[in-house]
């Protein structure tokens, strides 16, 4: 029998801590913008509800990022992350893919790009990046990369057999165009919103806003990948099952 798990729902039909995944799922399924996470210690779940845990982890991630630039973060052993493995507190619930997404733009190259960091429930970290240069998308600059990254992440989650994907992003339009809080005023943002809503009928999509440029390790990694995609990307890479090998940073 596995270790006891506590599921904290910060935004959902019912807010609180649940002792089973079934109870947690009943609270978050079908709820736009649901925020939840699983823990092995009850006090961590309580801290997450109070908003304390995220701040603490962001500080820890920032310290790790400053000493391991260019590596994929993982478990802590003497301050050095294990390559390709995320720490337990970053791992999503079973059946969920966690994706940090970011975008970038370079006017001199006339290209926009995206970066994605995927974290699987068992802690495996995969990354991907790509770029585009469609004329109608260039005027949206880095926002085109942000949208492309979010769409790529959702399609990857579906191709990999996940029932839910959590998108962590720092540009609020990624969520607000989909939920309708922002009105899509251009053809491109309208296409993005419609596509995400259609996919949302096949897979649960959870949005989590993270602050930009605040030393959140995996968000910074996604930012670096997006910048790498500007020069090294070759269009949008094919969608693949994450059981296969992906590009790594």
Protein backbone atom coordinates (compact mmCIF):
# COMPACT_ATOMS: atom_id res chain seq x y z
CA UNK A 1 0.00 0.00 0.00
CA UNK A 2 1.37 3.43 -1.02
CA UNK A 3 2.02 6.36 1.25
CA UNK A 4 -0.91 8.47 2.36
CA UNK A 5 -1.60 11.42 0.03
CA UNK A 6 -3.34 14.71 0.73
CA UNK A 7 -4.99 16.60 -2.12
CA UNK A 8 -5.39 20.34 -1.60
CA UNK A 9 -7.86 22.20 -3.81
CA UNK A 10 -7.22 25.94 -3.79
CA UNK A 11 -9.69 26.75 -6.58
CA UNK A 12 -12.51 24.33 -7.35
CA UNK A 13 -16.13 23.44 -6.71
CA UNK A 14 -15.17 22.78 -3.09
CA UNK A 15 -12.05 24.28 -1.51
CA UNK A 16 -10.16 22.19 1.03
CA UNK A 17 -8.04 19.11 1.64
CA UNK A 18 -9.16 15.66 0.49
CA UNK A 19 -7.85 12.25 1.41
CA UNK A 20 -8.52 10.53 -1.92
CA UNK A 21 -7.97 11.38 -5.57
CA UNK A 22 -11.63 10.58 -6.31
CA UNK A 23 -12.78 13.32 -3.90
CA UNK A 24 -10.28 15.78 -5.36
CA UNK A 25 -11.29 14.99 -8.93
CA UNK A 26 -14.97 15.53 -8.13
CA UNK A 27 -14.07 19.04 -6.94
CA UNK A 28 -11.90 20.08 -9.90
CA UNK A 29 -13.32 18.33 -12.96
CA UNK A 30 -15.19 20.79 -15.15
CA UNK A 31 -14.16 23.77 -13.03
CA UNK A 32 -12.43 26.48 -15.14
CA UNK A 33 -9.06 27.53 -13.73
CA UNK A 34 -8.99 24.83 -11.05
CA UNK A 35 -5.87 24.88 -8.85
CA UNK A 36 -4.91 21.79 -6.89
CA UNK A 37 -1.90 19.69 -5.92
CA UNK A 38 -1.09 16.44 -4.13
CA UNK A 39 1.17 16.19 -1.07
CA UNK A 40 2.57 13.52 1.21
CA UNK A 41 2.38 15.76 4.32
CA UNK A 42 -0.79 17.39 5.59
CA UNK A 43 1.00 20.52 6.76
CA UNK A 44 2.27 21.13 3.20
CA UNK A 45 -1.28 20.81 1.87
CA UNK A 46 -2.49 23.30 4.48
CA UNK A 47 0.32 25.70 3.55
CA UNK A 48 -0.63 25.43 -0.13
CA UNK A 49 -4.19 26.45 0.71
CA UNK A 50 -2.89 29.47 2.62
CA UNK A 51 -0.66 30.43 -0.30
CA UNK A 52 2.52 29.94 1.72
CA UNK A 53 3.93 26.95 -0.11
CA UNK A 54 4.24 28.53 -3.53
CA UNK A 55 6.31 31.42 -2.20
CA UNK A 56 8.59 29.05 -0.31
CA UNK A 57 9.11 26.82 -3.36
CA UNK A 58 9.71 29.74 -5.68
CA UNK A 59 12.52 30.91 -3.38
CA UNK A 60 14.01 27.41 -3.32
CA UNK A 61 13.69 27.12 -7.11
CA UNK A 62 15.45 30.42 -7.54
CA UNK A 63 18.41 29.24 -5.45
CA UNK A 64 18.61 26.01 -7.43
CA UNK A 65 18.38 27.85 -10.75
CA UNK A 66 21.24 30.20 -9.96
CA UNK A 67 23.64 27.34 -9.28
CA UNK A 68 22.53 24.90 -12.01
CA UNK A 69 22.03 27.12 -15.08
CA UNK A 70 21.36 25.04 -18.17
CA UNK A 71 20.42 21.82 -16.37
CA UNK A 72 17.06 20.18 -15.91
CA UNK A 73 16.13 20.39 -12.24
CA UNK A 74 15.25 17.44 -10.08
CA UNK A 75 15.65 15.99 -6.61
CA UNK A 76 17.90 17.80 -4.21
CA UNK A 77 21.11 16.08 -3.17
CA UNK A 78 23.57 18.42 -1.55
CA UNK A 79 22.05 21.32 -3.52
CA UNK A 80 22.63 19.70 -6.93
CA UNK A 81 19.51 18.69 -8.89
CA UNK A 82 19.31 15.26 -10.47
CA UNK A 83 19.18 15.72 -14.25
CA UNK A 84 15.85 14.91 -15.84
CA UNK A 85 13.91 14.48 -12.57
CA UNK A 86 11.63 17.04 -10.92
CA UNK A 87 11.44 17.28 -7.12
CA UNK A 88 8.35 15.66 -5.52
CA UNK A 89 6.58 18.98 -4.88
CA UNK A 90 6.64 19.79 -8.62
CA UNK A 91 5.17 16.48 -9.75
CA UNK A 92 1.54 16.52 -10.91
CA UNK A 93 -1.17 14.11 -9.85
CA UNK A 94 -1.54 10.78 -11.70
CA UNK A 95 -3.15 11.27 -15.09
CA UNK A 96 -2.04 14.92 -15.29
CA UNK A 97 0.76 16.44 -17.36
CA UNK A 98 2.32 19.63 -15.98
CA UNK A 99 3.64 22.03 -18.63
CA UNK A 100 5.50 25.30 -18.16
CA UNK A 101 5.17 27.35 -21.37
CA UNK A 102 6.77 30.58 -22.53
CA UNK A 103 7.28 32.58 -25.72
CA UNK A 104 9.88 34.85 -27.27
CA UNK A 105 10.36 37.10 -30.30
CA UNK A 106 13.31 38.54 -32.22
CA UNK A 107 12.59 41.42 -34.57
CA UNK A 108 15.94 41.08 -36.33
CA UNK A 109 15.13 37.45 -37.22
CA UNK A 110 11.43 38.13 -37.83
CA UNK A 111 10.61 35.02 -35.83
CA UNK A 112 8.58 34.09 -32.75
CA UNK A 113 9.31 30.98 -30.71
CA UNK A 114 8.09 28.89 -27.78
CA UNK A 115 9.58 26.72 -25.08
CA UNK A 116 7.86 23.95 -23.10
CA UNK A 117 8.96 22.09 -19.98
CA UNK A 118 6.90 18.95 -19.38
CA UNK A 119 6.81 17.26 -15.96
CA UNK A 120 5.27 13.80 -15.78
CA UNK A 121 3.66 12.34 -12.62
CA UNK A 122 6.68 10.13 -11.90
CA UNK A 123 8.93 13.20 -12.07
CA UNK A 124 10.42 12.77 -15.54
CA UNK A 125 11.24 16.12 -17.19
CA UNK A 126 11.00 16.57 -20.96
CA UNK A 127 11.48 19.75 -22.97
CA UNK A 128 10.60 21.02 -26.43
CA UNK A 129 10.97 24.22 -28.42
CA UNK A 130 10.08 25.53 -31.86
CA UNK A 131 9.53 28.69 -33.87
CA UNK A 132 7.43 30.30 -36.56
CA UNK A 133 7.58 33.17 -39.02
CA UNK A 134 4.05 33.48 -40.41
CA UNK A 135 3.52 37.06 -41.46
CA UNK A 136 0.10 37.42 -39.84
CA UNK A 137 1.50 36.17 -36.50
CA UNK A 138 4.62 38.35 -36.41
CA UNK A 139 2.72 41.44 -35.33
CA UNK A 140 1.77 39.66 -32.11
CA UNK A 141 5.51 39.28 -31.41
CA UNK A 142 6.23 37.04 -28.37
CA UNK A 143 2.51 36.50 -27.74
CA UNK A 144 2.42 34.31 -30.86
CA UNK A 145 5.09 32.15 -29.25
CA UNK A 146 3.15 32.03 -25.97
CA UNK A 147 0.02 30.80 -27.75
CA UNK A 148 1.96 28.33 -29.89
CA UNK A 149 3.60 26.88 -26.77
CA UNK A 150 0.30 26.45 -24.95
CA UNK A 151 -1.28 24.75 -27.96
CA UNK A 152 1.73 22.49 -28.42
CA UNK A 153 1.57 21.48 -24.75
CA UNK A 154 -2.14 20.57 -24.91
CA UNK A 155 -1.69 18.56 -28.11
CA UNK A 156 1.29 16.77 -26.57
CA UNK A 157 -0.74 15.88 -23.48
CA UNK A 158 -3.50 14.39 -25.65
CA UNK A 159 -1.01 12.46 -27.79
CA UNK A 160 0.57 11.08 -24.61
CA UNK A 161 -2.73 9.77 -23.24
CA UNK A 162 -3.17 12.21 -20.32
CA UNK A 163 -6.66 13.07 -19.12
CA UNK A 164 -5.63 16.49 -17.84
CA UNK A 165 -2.94 19.09 -18.49
CA UNK A 166 -1.93 21.97 -16.22
CA UNK A 167 -0.47 24.95 -18.08
CA UNK A 168 1.77 27.23 -16.05
CA UNK A 169 2.27 30.51 -17.88
CA UNK A 170 3.26 34.11 -17.21
CA UNK A 171 1.24 35.90 -19.92
CA UNK A 172 -2.37 36.15 -18.77
CA UNK A 173 -3.90 36.08 -22.25
CA UNK A 174 -3.05 32.38 -22.40
CA UNK A 175 -5.94 31.76 -20.02
CA UNK A 176 -8.19 34.79 -20.45
CA UNK A 177 -8.78 34.42 -24.19
CA UNK A 178 -9.87 30.84 -23.60
CA UNK A 179 -12.18 31.60 -20.67
CA UNK A 180 -13.63 34.66 -22.38
CA UNK A 181 -12.36 37.14 -19.77
CA UNK A 182 -10.57 38.80 -22.67
CA UNK A 183 -12.35 39.28 -26.00
CA UNK A 184 -10.41 37.92 -28.98
CA UNK A 185 -10.01 40.97 -31.21
CA UNK A 186 -7.83 39.42 -33.93
CA UNK A 187 -8.13 36.36 -36.14
CA UNK A 188 -5.10 34.76 -34.51
CA UNK A 189 -6.26 35.10 -30.89
CA UNK A 190 -9.72 33.95 -31.96
CA UNK A 191 -8.26 30.82 -33.57
CA UNK A 192 -6.24 30.16 -30.42
CA UNK A 193 -9.28 30.47 -28.15
CA UNK A 194 -11.48 28.27 -30.36
CA UNK A 195 -8.82 25.56 -30.66
CA UNK A 196 -8.20 25.44 -26.92
CA UNK A 197 -11.93 25.27 -26.16
CA UNK A 198 -12.41 22.43 -28.63
CA UNK A 199 -9.52 20.50 -27.13
CA UNK A 200 -10.94 21.23 -23.70
CA UNK A 201 -13.86 18.96 -24.61
CA UNK A 202 -11.40 16.06 -24.95
CA UNK A 203 -8.94 16.81 -22.12
CA UNK A 204 -9.14 18.79 -18.88
CA UNK A 205 -7.13 22.01 -19.15
CA UNK A 206 -6.07 23.76 -15.95
CA UNK A 207 -4.45 27.21 -16.07
CA UNK A 208 -2.03 28.45 -13.40
CA UNK A 209 -0.53 31.95 -13.62
CA UNK A 210 3.05 32.34 -12.38
CA UNK A 211 4.91 35.66 -12.06
CA UNK A 212 7.34 36.42 -14.88
CA UNK A 213 11.07 36.78 -14.25
CA UNK A 214 10.80 35.76 -10.61
CA UNK A 215 13.35 32.92 -10.57
CA UNK A 216 10.78 30.12 -10.72
CA UNK A 217 13.10 27.41 -11.97
CA UNK A 218 10.97 25.68 -14.60
CA UNK A 219 9.43 28.93 -15.82
CA UNK A 220 12.93 30.30 -16.36
CA UNK A 221 13.83 27.07 -18.15
CA UNK A 222 10.86 27.51 -20.49
CA UNK A 223 12.00 31.10 -21.15
CA UNK A 224 15.51 29.90 -22.07
CA UNK A 225 14.07 27.24 -24.35
CA UNK A 226 11.91 29.83 -26.13
CA UNK A 227 14.99 32.00 -26.76
CA UNK A 228 16.86 28.92 -27.97
CA UNK A 229 13.98 28.17 -30.29
CA UNK A 230 14.43 31.50 -32.07
CA UNK A 231 17.78 30.45 -33.53
CA UNK A 232 17.81 26.67 -33.30
CA UNK A 233 14.15 25.82 -33.84
CA UNK A 234 13.04 24.38 -37.17
CA UNK A 235 9.39 25.31 -37.19
CA UNK A 236 6.97 23.50 -34.90
CA UNK A 237 8.28 20.02 -34.01
CA UNK A 238 5.97 17.09 -34.59
CA UNK A 239 3.64 16.20 -31.76
CA UNK A 240 4.90 13.06 -30.05
CA UNK A 241 4.08 10.79 -27.18
CA UNK A 242 6.23 11.77 -24.20
CA UNK A 243 7.12 8.11 -23.74
CA UNK A 244 9.34 8.74 -26.76
CA UNK A 245 12.49 10.84 -26.46
CA UNK A 246 12.03 14.63 -26.64
CA UNK A 247 14.46 17.46 -27.09
CA UNK A 248 16.25 18.27 -23.84
CA UNK A 249 17.92 21.47 -22.84
